[in-house]
């Protein structure tokens, strides 16, 4: 049980950055950014190559995150400047990134176990040894910082303009706001976070691989949906915190599945089931409330009819007695 909690926390916090990025584009901006499955392994590939070349791990992680932001900008430019469909723009970016990763690493994967990682580097600054608990503490701190920065940004005039672009693009454009600029900015921030998530993932796993991004978009969407289902989707602060907790819950479920001995090839099915449940449970609750309201209305109508019938009979009886 302890290993499940540790694995769920560590992996959930790492992928929490990606969940925040996907929340920004998919949920708040209304932009289905499919380039996420490319920017995630791109962040890992750039970080791995930088570490192998002797770059400081902290700087290497930032380079990986910046590479993700540049790829997000490419998607935004194709969509806003070249008028390419948003889905197709993401697919084109993800396709091109595959070649970029191979050129960057020079091979499909790069092992990093023989090199220092960012966790040991940062923890060493404070005189701490690298352990699961200290790593989780470090990840928690930077995730909280990212969460607070995201909440602050989305509360500024610029962040409100980004949210308004996703809510009503025509209205915000009529107010003189460049919606193309807002989309480009959101895509850069989102994919910066996704690249950061990939960079940290390769440091935690000890390798970078061109296939790391397969299925991560569905996992991120699952984290967002689970977070909104379990913790609500009302206030912005609740949603931002909820998606991070949703990422932890999702990774914990996968850790439990691994603990009970399910084969790795079943994880995609587990992800699909989790997303399906997260999507259908709110609707089931809504239907349950609707049924209870309808049944209550029906019972109320029956009671009123019964009472009116009794009163009519009593009135008729009184009238017969008077006669």
C-alpha atoms as a PDB file:
ATOM      1  CA  UNK A   1       0.000   0.000   0.000  1.00  0.00           C
ATOM      2  CA  UNK A   2       2.863   2.346   0.800  1.00  0.00           C
ATOM      3  CA  UNK A   3       4.390   1.802  -2.647  1.00  0.00           C
ATOM      4  CA  UNK A   4       1.036   2.608  -4.268  1.00  0.00           C
ATOM      5  CA  UNK A   5       0.781   5.901  -2.382  1.00  0.00           C
ATOM      6  CA  UNK A   6       4.372   6.869  -3.180  1.00  0.00           C
ATOM      7  CA  UNK A   7       4.013   5.969  -6.856  1.00  0.00           C
ATOM      8  CA  UNK A   8       0.661   7.733  -7.154  1.00  0.00           C
ATOM      9  CA  UNK A   9       1.970  10.906  -5.534  1.00  0.00           C
ATOM     10  CA  UNK A  10       5.235  11.065  -7.443  1.00  0.00           C
ATOM     11  CA  UNK A  11       3.823  10.258 -10.871  1.00  0.00           C
ATOM     12  CA  UNK A  12       0.650  12.257 -10.239  1.00  0.00           C
ATOM     13  CA  UNK A  13       2.618  15.381  -9.324  1.00  0.00           C
ATOM     14  CA  UNK A  14       4.896  15.051 -12.370  1.00  0.00           C
ATOM     15  CA  UNK A  15       1.945  14.642 -14.713  1.00  0.00           C
ATOM     16  CA  UNK A  16       0.066  17.374 -12.825  1.00  0.00           C
ATOM     17  CA  UNK A  17       1.956  19.975 -14.881  1.00  0.00           C
ATOM     18  CA  UNK A  18       0.607  18.409 -18.041  1.00  0.00           C
ATOM     19  CA  UNK A  19      -2.913  18.342 -16.570  1.00  0.00           C
ATOM     20  CA  UNK A  20      -2.685  22.099 -15.916  1.00  0.00           C
ATOM     21  CA  UNK A  21      -1.535  22.687 -19.491  1.00  0.00           C
ATOM     22  CA  UNK A  22      -4.297  20.559 -21.000  1.00  0.00           C
ATOM     23  CA  UNK A  23      -6.857  22.285 -18.762  1.00  0.00           C
ATOM     24  CA  UNK A  24      -5.770  25.654 -20.160  1.00  0.00           C
ATOM     25  CA  UNK A  25      -6.172  24.691 -23.816  1.00  0.00           C
ATOM     26  CA  UNK A  26      -8.945  22.090 -23.840  1.00  0.00           C
ATOM     27  CA  UNK A  27     -11.172  23.420 -21.066  1.00  0.00           C
ATOM     28  CA  UNK A  28     -10.569  27.169 -20.728  1.00  0.00           C
ATOM     29  CA  UNK A  29      -9.574  28.060 -24.289  1.00  0.00           C
ATOM     30  CA  UNK A  30     -11.657  25.428 -26.062  1.00  0.00           C
ATOM     31  CA  UNK A  31      -8.689  24.481 -28.269  1.00  0.00           C
ATOM     32  CA  UNK A  32      -8.180  20.720 -28.869  1.00  0.00           C
ATOM     33  CA  UNK A  33      -4.378  20.726 -28.912  1.00  0.00           C
ATOM     34  CA  UNK A  34      -3.204  17.345 -30.176  1.00  0.00           C
ATOM     35  CA  UNK A  35       0.427  18.433 -30.244  1.00  0.00           C
ATOM     36  CA  UNK A  36       0.606  17.463 -26.548  1.00  0.00           C
ATOM     37  CA  UNK A  37       1.563  13.909 -27.514  1.00  0.00           C
ATOM     38  CA  UNK A  38       4.605  15.400 -29.241  1.00  0.00           C
ATOM     39  CA  UNK A  39       5.628  18.151 -26.844  1.00  0.00           C
ATOM     40  CA  UNK A  40       5.703  15.772 -23.863  1.00  0.00           C
ATOM     41  CA  UNK A  41       8.403  13.461 -25.275  1.00  0.00           C
ATOM     42  CA  UNK A  42      10.112  16.484 -26.875  1.00  0.00           C
ATOM     43  CA  UNK A  43      10.708  17.946 -23.418  1.00  0.00           C
ATOM     44  CA  UNK A  44      12.154  14.608 -22.349  1.00  0.00           C
ATOM     45  CA  UNK A  45      14.362  14.298 -25.460  1.00  0.00           C
ATOM     46  CA  UNK A  46      15.826  17.795 -25.183  1.00  0.00           C
ATOM     47  CA  UNK A  47      16.459  17.329 -21.457  1.00  0.00           C
ATOM     48  CA  UNK A  48      18.136  13.965 -21.995  1.00  0.00           C
ATOM     49  CA  UNK A  49      20.425  15.269 -24.733  1.00  0.00           C
ATOM     50  CA  UNK A  50      21.365  18.296 -22.623  1.00  0.00           C
ATOM     51  CA  UNK A  51      22.190  16.132 -19.608  1.00  0.00           C
ATOM     52  CA  UNK A  52      24.335  13.798 -21.738  1.00  0.00           C
ATOM     53  CA  UNK A  53      26.184  16.820 -23.107  1.00  0.00           C
ATOM     54  CA  UNK A  54      27.065  17.910 -19.573  1.00  0.00           C
ATOM     55  CA  UNK A  55      24.451  20.626 -19.026  1.00  0.00           C
ATOM     56  CA  UNK A  56      23.300  21.213 -15.446  1.00  0.00           C
ATOM     57  CA  UNK A  57      20.133  19.107 -14.820  1.00  0.00           C
ATOM     58  CA  UNK A  58      18.092  22.119 -13.681  1.00  0.00           C
ATOM     59  CA  UNK A  59      18.976  24.056 -16.820  1.00  0.00           C
ATOM     60  CA  UNK A  60      18.362  20.940 -18.924  1.00  0.00           C
ATOM     61  CA  UNK A  61      14.814  20.631 -17.531  1.00  0.00           C
ATOM     62  CA  UNK A  62      14.147  24.284 -18.316  1.00  0.00           C
ATOM     63  CA  UNK A  63      15.454  23.727 -21.845  1.00  0.00           C
ATOM     64  CA  UNK A  64      13.035  20.818 -22.269  1.00  0.00           C
ATOM     65  CA  UNK A  65      10.142  22.945 -21.053  1.00  0.00           C
ATOM     66  CA  UNK A  66      11.158  25.775 -23.398  1.00  0.00           C
ATOM     67  CA  UNK A  67      11.258  23.323 -26.321  1.00  0.00           C
ATOM     68  CA  UNK A  68       7.665  22.355 -25.521  1.00  0.00           C
ATOM     69  CA  UNK A  69       6.659  26.031 -25.493  1.00  0.00           C
ATOM     70  CA  UNK A  70       8.305  26.593 -28.897  1.00  0.00           C
ATOM     71  CA  UNK A  71       6.428  23.603 -30.329  1.00  0.00           C
ATOM     72  CA  UNK A  72       3.189  25.033 -28.917  1.00  0.00           C
ATOM     73  CA  UNK A  73       3.994  28.322 -30.649  1.00  0.00           C
ATOM     74  CA  UNK A  74       4.405  26.428 -33.929  1.00  0.00           C
ATOM     75  CA  UNK A  75       0.905  24.978 -33.526  1.00  0.00           C
ATOM     76  CA  UNK A  76      -0.479  28.412 -32.715  1.00  0.00           C
ATOM     77  CA  UNK A  77       1.198  30.073 -35.699  1.00  0.00           C
ATOM     78  CA  UNK A  78      -0.086  27.422 -38.091  1.00  0.00           C
ATOM     79  CA  UNK A  79      -3.606  27.896 -36.771  1.00  0.00           C
ATOM     80  CA  UNK A  80      -3.736  31.684 -36.391  1.00  0.00           C
ATOM     81  CA  UNK A  81      -1.460  32.870 -39.201  1.00  0.00           C
ATOM     82  CA  UNK A  82      -1.818  30.115 -41.799  1.00  0.00           C
ATOM     83  CA  UNK A  83      -5.518  29.441 -41.043  1.00  0.00           C
ATOM     84  CA  UNK A  84      -4.972  25.705 -40.582  1.00  0.00           C
ATOM     85  CA  UNK A  85      -7.604  23.783 -38.636  1.00  0.00           C
ATOM     86  CA  UNK A  86      -6.654  23.552 -34.965  1.00  0.00           C
ATOM     87  CA  UNK A  87      -6.764  19.749 -34.853  1.00  0.00           C
ATOM     88  CA  UNK A  88      -4.742  19.407 -38.044  1.00  0.00           C
ATOM     89  CA  UNK A  89      -2.217  21.982 -36.802  1.00  0.00           C
ATOM     90  CA  UNK A  90      -1.623  19.896 -33.671  1.00  0.00           C
ATOM     91  CA  UNK A  91      -1.235  16.719 -35.702  1.00  0.00           C
ATOM     92  CA  UNK A  92       1.288  18.378 -38.035  1.00  0.00           C
ATOM     93  CA  UNK A  93       3.315  19.652 -35.081  1.00  0.00           C
ATOM     94  CA  UNK A  94       3.327  16.253 -33.369  1.00  0.00           C
ATOM     95  CA  UNK A  95       4.392  14.600 -36.633  1.00  0.00           C
ATOM     96  CA  UNK A  96       7.269  17.007 -37.162  1.00  0.00           C
ATOM     97  CA  UNK A  97       8.363  16.661 -33.529  1.00  0.00           C
ATOM     98  CA  UNK A  98       9.064  12.955 -34.049  1.00  0.00           C
ATOM     99  CA  UNK A  99      11.856  13.794 -36.488  1.00  0.00           C
ATOM    100  CA  UNK A 100      13.095  16.574 -34.208  1.00  0.00           C
ATOM    101  CA  UNK A 101      13.402  14.102 -31.318  1.00  0.00           C
ATOM    102  CA  UNK A 102      15.344  11.606 -33.405  1.00  0.00           C
ATOM    103  CA  UNK A 103      17.663  14.374 -34.593  1.00  0.00           C
ATOM    104  CA  UNK A 104      18.072  15.665 -31.046  1.00  0.00           C
ATOM    105  CA  UNK A 105      18.920  12.364 -29.365  1.00  0.00           C
ATOM    106  CA  UNK A 106      20.470  10.686 -32.411  1.00  0.00           C
ATOM    107  CA  UNK A 107      18.597   7.494 -31.515  1.00  0.00           C
ATOM    108  CA  UNK A 108      15.115   6.407 -30.379  1.00  0.00           C
ATOM    109  CA  UNK A 109      15.974   6.418 -26.654  1.00  0.00           C
ATOM    110  CA  UNK A 110      18.608   7.763 -24.274  1.00  0.00           C
ATOM    111  CA  UNK A 111      19.399   6.179 -20.877  1.00  0.00           C
ATOM    112  CA  UNK A 112      20.165   8.590 -18.032  1.00  0.00           C
ATOM    113  CA  UNK A 113      20.838   6.320 -15.054  1.00  0.00           C
ATOM    114  CA  UNK A 114      24.555   7.123 -15.149  1.00  0.00           C
ATOM    115  CA  UNK A 115      23.950  10.878 -14.914  1.00  0.00           C
ATOM    116  CA  UNK A 116      22.853  13.198 -12.125  1.00  0.00           C
ATOM    117  CA  UNK A 117      19.171  14.138 -12.152  1.00  0.00           C
ATOM    118  CA  UNK A 118      17.382  17.330 -11.208  1.00  0.00           C
ATOM    119  CA  UNK A 119      15.956  15.866  -8.000  1.00  0.00           C
ATOM    120  CA  UNK A 120      19.307  14.975  -6.499  1.00  0.00           C
ATOM    121  CA  UNK A 121      20.727  18.285  -7.706  1.00  0.00           C
ATOM    122  CA  UNK A 122      18.093  20.492  -6.054  1.00  0.00           C
ATOM    123  CA  UNK A 123      17.808  18.414  -2.893  1.00  0.00           C
ATOM    124  CA  UNK A 124      21.571  18.577  -2.523  1.00  0.00           C
ATOM    125  CA  UNK A 125      21.375  22.379  -2.390  1.00  0.00           C
ATOM    126  CA  UNK A 126      19.456  22.045   0.883  1.00  0.00           C
ATOM    127  CA  UNK A 127      21.556  19.232   2.301  1.00  0.00           C
ATOM    128  CA  UNK A 128      18.909  16.566   1.677  1.00  0.00           C
ATOM    129  CA  UNK A 129      19.487  13.114   0.264  1.00  0.00           C
ATOM    130  CA  UNK A 130      17.504  11.895  -2.706  1.00  0.00           C
ATOM    131  CA  UNK A 131      14.651   9.695  -1.512  1.00  0.00           C
ATOM    132  CA  UNK A 132      11.037   9.093  -2.441  1.00  0.00           C
ATOM    133  CA  UNK A 133       9.697  11.348   0.317  1.00  0.00           C
ATOM    134  CA  UNK A 134      12.131  14.183  -0.405  1.00  0.00           C
ATOM    135  CA  UNK A 135      11.407  13.907  -4.131  1.00  0.00           C
ATOM    136  CA  UNK A 136       7.660  14.102  -3.462  1.00  0.00           C
ATOM    137  CA  UNK A 137       8.264  17.142  -1.240  1.00  0.00           C
ATOM    138  CA  UNK A 138      10.244  18.861  -4.005  1.00  0.00           C
ATOM    139  CA  UNK A 139       7.595  18.034  -6.613  1.00  0.00           C
ATOM    140  CA  UNK A 140       4.820  19.256  -4.320  1.00  0.00           C
ATOM    141  CA  UNK A 141       6.525  22.612  -3.864  1.00  0.00           C
ATOM    142  CA  UNK A 142       7.036  23.265  -7.574  1.00  0.00           C
ATOM    143  CA  UNK A 143       3.536  22.024  -8.461  1.00  0.00           C
ATOM    144  CA  UNK A 144       2.038  24.388  -5.872  1.00  0.00           C
ATOM    145  CA  UNK A 145       4.134  27.227  -7.318  1.00  0.00           C
ATOM    146  CA  UNK A 146       2.912  26.414 -10.832  1.00  0.00           C
ATOM    147  CA  UNK A 147      -0.670  26.184  -9.566  1.00  0.00           C
ATOM    148  CA  UNK A 148      -0.436  29.589  -7.843  1.00  0.00           C
ATOM    149  CA  UNK A 149       1.183  31.207 -10.881  1.00  0.00           C
ATOM    150  CA  UNK A 150      -1.514  29.768 -13.131  1.00  0.00           C
ATOM    151  CA  UNK A 151      -4.268  31.041 -10.835  1.00  0.00           C
ATOM    152  CA  UNK A 152      -2.635  34.481 -10.684  1.00  0.00           C
ATOM    153  CA  UNK A 153      -2.211  34.662 -14.469  1.00  0.00           C
ATOM    154  CA  UNK A 154      -5.792  33.649 -15.212  1.00  0.00           C
ATOM    155  CA  UNK A 155      -7.011  36.348 -12.806  1.00  0.00           C
ATOM    156  CA  UNK A 156      -5.127  39.142 -14.589  1.00  0.00           C
ATOM    157  CA  UNK A 157      -6.589  41.129 -17.482  1.00  0.00           C
ATOM    158  CA  UNK A 158      -4.526  39.073 -19.922  1.00  0.00           C
ATOM    159  CA  UNK A 159      -5.650  35.802 -18.378  1.00  0.00           C
ATOM    160  CA  UNK A 160      -9.272  36.926 -18.366  1.00  0.00           C
ATOM    161  CA  UNK A 161      -8.913  37.745 -22.062  1.00  0.00           C
ATOM    162  CA  UNK A 162      -7.656  34.199 -22.681  1.00  0.00           C
ATOM    163  CA  UNK A 163     -10.618  32.742 -20.802  1.00  0.00           C
ATOM    164  CA  UNK A 164     -13.027  35.050 -22.592  1.00  0.00           C
ATOM    165  CA  UNK A 165     -11.594  33.908 -25.934  1.00  0.00           C
ATOM    166  CA  UNK A 166     -12.554  30.363 -25.042  1.00  0.00           C
ATOM    167  CA  UNK A 167     -16.005  31.374 -23.762  1.00  0.00           C
ATOM    168  CA  UNK A 168     -17.129  33.790 -26.484  1.00  0.00           C
ATOM    169  CA  UNK A 169     -14.591  34.528 -29.198  1.00  0.00           C
ATOM    170  CA  UNK A 170     -16.837  36.887 -31.155  1.00  0.00           C
ATOM    171  CA  UNK A 171     -17.632  39.040 -28.159  1.00  0.00           C
ATOM    172  CA  UNK A 172     -14.029  39.440 -27.038  1.00  0.00           C
ATOM    173  CA  UNK A 173     -12.956  40.207 -30.604  1.00  0.00           C
ATOM    174  CA  UNK A 174     -15.620  42.910 -30.811  1.00  0.00           C
ATOM    175  CA  UNK A 175     -14.052  44.506 -27.725  1.00  0.00           C
ATOM    176  CA  UNK A 176     -10.769  44.932 -29.615  1.00  0.00           C
ATOM    177  CA  UNK A 177      -8.866  41.952 -28.206  1.00  0.00           C
ATOM    178  CA  UNK A 178      -6.707  39.937 -30.613  1.00  0.00           C
ATOM    179  CA  UNK A 179      -8.009  36.407 -30.187  1.00  0.00           C
ATOM    180  CA  UNK A 180      -5.170  35.034 -32.311  1.00  0.00           C
ATOM    181  CA  UNK A 181      -2.652  36.448 -29.835  1.00  0.00           C
ATOM    182  CA  UNK A 182      -4.584  34.972 -26.910  1.00  0.00           C
ATOM    183  CA  UNK A 183      -4.616  31.531 -28.533  1.00  0.00           C
ATOM    184  CA  UNK A 184      -0.914  31.712 -29.298  1.00  0.00           C
ATOM    185  CA  UNK A 185      -0.098  32.758 -25.736  1.00  0.00           C
ATOM    186  CA  UNK A 186      -2.224  29.982 -24.229  1.00  0.00           C
ATOM    187  CA  UNK A 187      -0.637  27.345 -26.471  1.00  0.00           C
ATOM    188  CA  UNK A 188       2.868  28.460 -25.510  1.00  0.00           C
ATOM    189  CA  UNK A 189       2.081  28.353 -21.776  1.00  0.00           C
ATOM    190  CA  UNK A 190       0.243  25.047 -22.056  1.00  0.00           C
ATOM    191  CA  UNK A 191       2.968  23.249 -23.988  1.00  0.00           C
ATOM    192  CA  UNK A 192       5.655  24.770 -21.766  1.00  0.00           C
ATOM    193  CA  UNK A 193       3.978  22.970 -18.860  1.00  0.00           C
ATOM    194  CA  UNK A 194       3.629  19.793 -20.922  1.00  0.00           C
ATOM    195  CA  UNK A 195       7.311  19.947 -21.890  1.00  0.00           C
ATOM    196  CA  UNK A 196       8.203  20.506 -18.232  1.00  0.00           C
ATOM    197  CA  UNK A 197       6.189  17.433 -17.321  1.00  0.00           C
ATOM    198  CA  UNK A 198       8.046  15.366 -19.930  1.00  0.00           C
ATOM    199  CA  UNK A 199      11.408  16.697 -18.755  1.00  0.00           C
ATOM    200  CA  UNK A 200      10.687  15.748 -15.139  1.00  0.00           C
ATOM    201  CA  UNK A 201       9.295  12.366 -16.196  1.00  0.00           C
ATOM    202  CA  UNK A 202      12.499  11.419 -18.021  1.00  0.00           C
ATOM    203  CA  UNK A 203      14.552  12.503 -14.997  1.00  0.00           C
ATOM    204  CA  UNK A 204      12.407  10.376 -12.667  1.00  0.00           C
ATOM    205  CA  UNK A 205      12.353   7.316 -14.966  1.00  0.00           C
ATOM    206  CA  UNK A 206      16.013   7.527 -15.947  1.00  0.00           C
ATOM    207  CA  UNK A 207      15.523   7.531 -19.715  1.00  0.00           C
ATOM    208  CA  UNK A 208      13.942   9.404 -22.615  1.00  0.00           C
ATOM    209  CA  UNK A 209      12.158   7.651 -25.462  1.00  0.00           C
ATOM    210  CA  UNK A 210      10.432   8.869 -28.624  1.00  0.00           C
ATOM    211  CA  UNK A 211       7.383   6.764 -27.690  1.00  0.00           C
ATOM    212  CA  UNK A 212       6.862   8.368 -24.288  1.00  0.00           C
ATOM    213  CA  UNK A 213       4.059  10.559 -25.596  1.00  0.00           C
ATOM    214  CA  UNK A 214       1.751   7.798 -26.780  1.00  0.00           C
ATOM    215  CA  UNK A 215      -1.482   8.042 -24.798  1.00  0.00           C
ATOM    216  CA  UNK A 216      -0.422  10.928 -22.543  1.00  0.00           C
ATOM    217  CA  UNK A 217      -3.108  13.223 -23.951  1.00  0.00           C
ATOM    218  CA  UNK A 218      -5.876  10.810 -22.975  1.00  0.00           C
ATOM    219  CA  UNK A 219      -4.275  10.434 -19.545  1.00  0.00           C
ATOM    220  CA  UNK A 220      -4.184  14.224 -19.107  1.00  0.00           C
ATOM    221  CA  UNK A 221      -7.816  14.572 -20.167  1.00  0.00           C
ATOM    222  CA  UNK A 222      -8.701  11.765 -17.761  1.00  0.00           C
ATOM    223  CA  UNK A 223      -6.962  13.659 -14.952  1.00  0.00           C
ATOM    224  CA  UNK A 224      -8.899  16.829 -15.789  1.00  0.00           C
ATOM    225  CA  UNK A 225     -12.238  15.020 -15.952  1.00  0.00           C
ATOM    226  CA  UNK A 226     -11.593  13.051 -12.750  1.00  0.00           C
ATOM    227  CA  UNK A 227     -10.572  16.236 -10.955  1.00  0.00           C
ATOM    228  CA  UNK A 228     -13.669  18.104 -12.063  1.00  0.00           C
ATOM    229  CA  UNK A 229     -15.922  15.158 -11.226  1.00  0.00           C
ATOM    230  CA  UNK A 230     -14.534  14.544  -7.750  1.00  0.00           C
ATOM    231  CA  UNK A 231     -13.764  18.094  -6.659  1.00  0.00           C
ATOM    232  CA  UNK A 232     -16.215  20.202  -8.680  1.00  0.00           C
ATOM    233  CA  UNK A 233     -15.882  22.614 -11.585  1.00  0.00           C
ATOM    234  CA  UNK A 234     -17.278  25.836 -10.147  1.00  0.00           C
ATOM    235  CA  UNK A 235     -14.606  28.322  -9.060  1.00  0.00           C
ATOM    236  CA  UNK A 236     -11.339  28.608 -10.960  1.00  0.00           C
ATOM    237  CA  UNK A 237      -9.191  27.897  -7.901  1.00  0.00           C
ATOM    238  CA  UNK A 238     -11.140  24.720  -7.228  1.00  0.00           C
ATOM    239  CA  UNK A 239     -10.713  23.547 -10.816  1.00  0.00           C
ATOM    240  CA  UNK A 240      -6.958  24.228 -10.869  1.00  0.00           C
ATOM    241  CA  UNK A 241      -6.404  22.337  -7.637  1.00  0.00           C
ATOM    242  CA  UNK A 242      -8.825  19.608  -8.674  1.00  0.00           C
ATOM    243  CA  UNK A 243      -6.993  18.684 -11.883  1.00  0.00           C
ATOM    244  CA  UNK A 244      -3.738  18.182  -9.958  1.00  0.00           C
ATOM    245  CA  UNK A 245      -5.532  15.976  -7.439  1.00  0.00           C
ATOM    246  CA  UNK A 246      -7.224  14.216 -10.348  1.00  0.00           C
ATOM    247  CA  UNK A 247      -3.792  13.452 -11.808  1.00  0.00           C
ATOM    248  CA  UNK A 248      -2.740  11.945  -8.472  1.00  0.00           C
ATOM    249  CA  UNK A 249      -5.919   9.850  -8.265  1.00  0.00           C
ATOM    250  CA  UNK A 250      -5.480   8.631 -11.833  1.00  0.00           C
ATOM    251  CA  UNK A 251      -1.868   7.596 -11.271  1.00  0.00           C
ATOM    252  CA  UNK A 252      -2.799   5.967  -7.970  1.00  0.00           C
ATOM    253  CA  UNK A 253      -5.396   3.839  -9.754  1.00  0.00           C
ATOM    254  CA  UNK A 254      -2.763   2.731 -12.268  1.00  0.00           C
ATOM    255  CA  UNK A 255      -0.398   1.947  -9.396  1.00  0.00           C
ATOM    256  CA  UNK A 256      -3.093  -0.185  -7.761  1.00  0.00           C
ATOM    257  CA  UNK A 257      -3.659  -1.998 -11.055  1.00  0.00           C
ATOM    258  CA  UNK A 258       0.061  -2.726 -11.268  1.00  0.00           C
ATOM    259  CA  UNK A 259       0.120  -3.817  -7.627  1.00  0.00           C
ATOM    260  CA  UNK A 260      -2.618  -6.413  -8.147  1.00  0.00           C
ATOM    261  CA  UNK A 261      -0.694  -7.875 -11.061  1.00  0.00           C
ATOM    262  CA  UNK A 262      -2.541  -6.575 -14.123  1.00  0.00           C
ATOM    263  CA  UNK A 263      -0.334  -6.636 -17.235  1.00  0.00           C
ATOM    264  CA  UNK A 264       0.906  -3.342 -18.643  1.00  0.00           C
ATOM    265  CA  UNK A 265      -1.033  -3.852 -21.883  1.00  0.00           C
ATOM    266  CA  UNK A 266      -4.297  -3.498 -19.918  1.00  0.00           C
ATOM    267  CA  UNK A 267      -3.486   0.048 -18.758  1.00  0.00           C
ATOM    268  CA  UNK A 268      -4.939   1.639 -21.891  1.00  0.00           C
ATOM    269  CA  UNK A 269      -8.217  -0.162 -21.242  1.00  0.00           C
ATOM    270  CA  UNK A 270      -8.133   1.019 -17.615  1.00  0.00           C
ATOM    271  CA  UNK A 271      -7.624   4.579 -18.829  1.00  0.00           C
ATOM    272  CA  UNK A 272     -10.576   4.282 -21.204  1.00  0.00           C
ATOM    273  CA  UNK A 273     -12.786   2.905 -18.438  1.00  0.00           C
ATOM    274  CA  UNK A 274     -11.750   5.672 -16.041  1.00  0.00           C
ATOM    275  CA  UNK A 275     -12.525   8.372 -18.607  1.00  0.00           C
ATOM    276  CA  UNK A 276     -15.852   6.718 -19.412  1.00  0.00           C
ATOM    277  CA  UNK A 277     -16.817   6.585 -15.731  1.00  0.00           C
ATOM    278  CA  UNK A 278     -15.732  10.164 -15.160  1.00  0.00           C
ATOM    279  CA  UNK A 279     -17.831  11.303 -18.106  1.00  0.00           C
ATOM    280  CA  UNK A 280     -20.936   9.300 -17.241  1.00  0.00           C
ATOM    281  CA  UNK A 281     -21.091   9.642 -13.454  1.00  0.00           C
ATOM    282  CA  UNK A 282     -22.069  13.349 -13.512  1.00  0.00           C
ATOM    283  CA  UNK A 283     -24.794  12.562 -16.019  1.00  0.00           C
ATOM    284  CA  UNK A 284     -26.047   9.710 -13.855  1.00  0.00           C
ATOM    285  CA  UNK A 285     -26.225  12.038 -10.858  1.00  0.00           C
ATOM    286  CA  UNK A 286     -28.069  14.568 -12.931  1.00  0.00           C
ATOM    287  CA  UNK A 287     -30.530  11.941 -14.103  1.00  0.00           C
ATOM    288  CA  UNK A 288     -30.988  10.778 -10.521  1.00  0.00           C
ATOM    289  CA  UNK A 289     -31.819  14.287  -9.360  1.00  0.00           C
ATOM    290  CA  UNK A 290     -34.130  14.764 -12.329  1.00  0.00           C
ATOM    291  CA  UNK A 291     -35.957  11.531 -11.545  1.00  0.00           C
ATOM    292  CA  UNK A 292     -36.365  12.495  -7.884  1.00  0.00           C
ATOM    293  CA  UNK A 293     -37.692  15.927  -8.865  1.00  0.00           C
ATOM    294  CA  UNK A 294     -40.132  14.425 -11.355  1.00  0.00           C
ATOM    295  CA  UNK A 295     -41.350  11.822  -8.859  1.00  0.00           C
ATOM    296  CA  UNK A 296     -41.743  14.563  -6.244  1.00  0.00           C
ATOM    297  CA  UNK A 297     -43.789  16.638  -8.658  1.00  0.00           C
ATOM    298  CA  UNK A 298     -45.974  13.658  -9.497  1.00  0.00           C
ATOM    299  CA  UNK A 299     -46.592  12.898  -5.806  1.00  0.00           C
ATOM    300  CA  UNK A 300     -47.398  16.547  -5.185  1.00  0.00           C
ATOM    301  CA  UNK A 301     -49.938  16.563  -7.988  1.00  0.00           C
ATOM    302  CA  UNK A 302     -51.568  13.401  -6.631  1.00  0.00           C
ATOM    303  CA  UNK A 303     -51.785  14.889  -3.148  1.00  0.00           C
ATOM    304  CA  UNK A 304     -53.364  18.063  -4.456  1.00  0.00           C
ATOM    305  CA  UNK A 305     -55.881  16.065  -6.453  1.00  0.00           C
ATOM    306  CA  UNK A 306     -56.713  13.943  -3.432  1.00  0.00           C
ATOM    307  CA  UNK A 307     -57.181  16.971  -1.188  1.00  0.00           C
ATOM    308  CA  UNK A 308     -59.295  18.739  -3.761  1.00  0.00           C
ATOM    309  CA  UNK A 309     -61.424  15.587  -4.122  1.00  0.00           C
ATOM    310  CA  UNK A 310     -62.018  15.389  -0.380  1.00  0.00           C
ATOM    311  CA  UNK A 311     -62.945  19.030  -0.193  1.00  0.00           C
ATOM    312  CA  UNK A 312     -65.388  18.646  -3.081  1.00  0.00           C
ATOM    313  CA  UNK A 313     -67.070  15.678  -1.417  1.00  0.00           C
ATOM    314  CA  UNK A 314     -67.345  17.496   1.878  1.00  0.00           C
ATOM    315  CA  UNK A 315     -68.818  20.511   0.162  1.00  0.00           C
ATOM    316  CA  UNK A 316     -71.320  18.280  -1.643  1.00  0.00           C
ATOM    317  CA  UNK A 317     -72.250  16.579   1.647  1.00  0.00           C
ATOM    318  CA  UNK A 318     -72.713  19.885   3.382  1.00  0.00           C
ATOM    319  CA  UNK A 319     -74.922  21.112   0.580  1.00  0.00           C
ATOM    320  CA  UNK A 320     -77.098  17.980   0.816  1.00  0.00           C
ATOM    321  CA  UNK A 321     -77.389  18.444   4.579  1.00  0.00           C
ATOM    322  CA  UNK A 322     -78.466  22.048   4.139  1.00  0.00           C
ATOM    323  CA  UNK A 323     -81.151  20.951   1.773  1.00  0.00           C
END
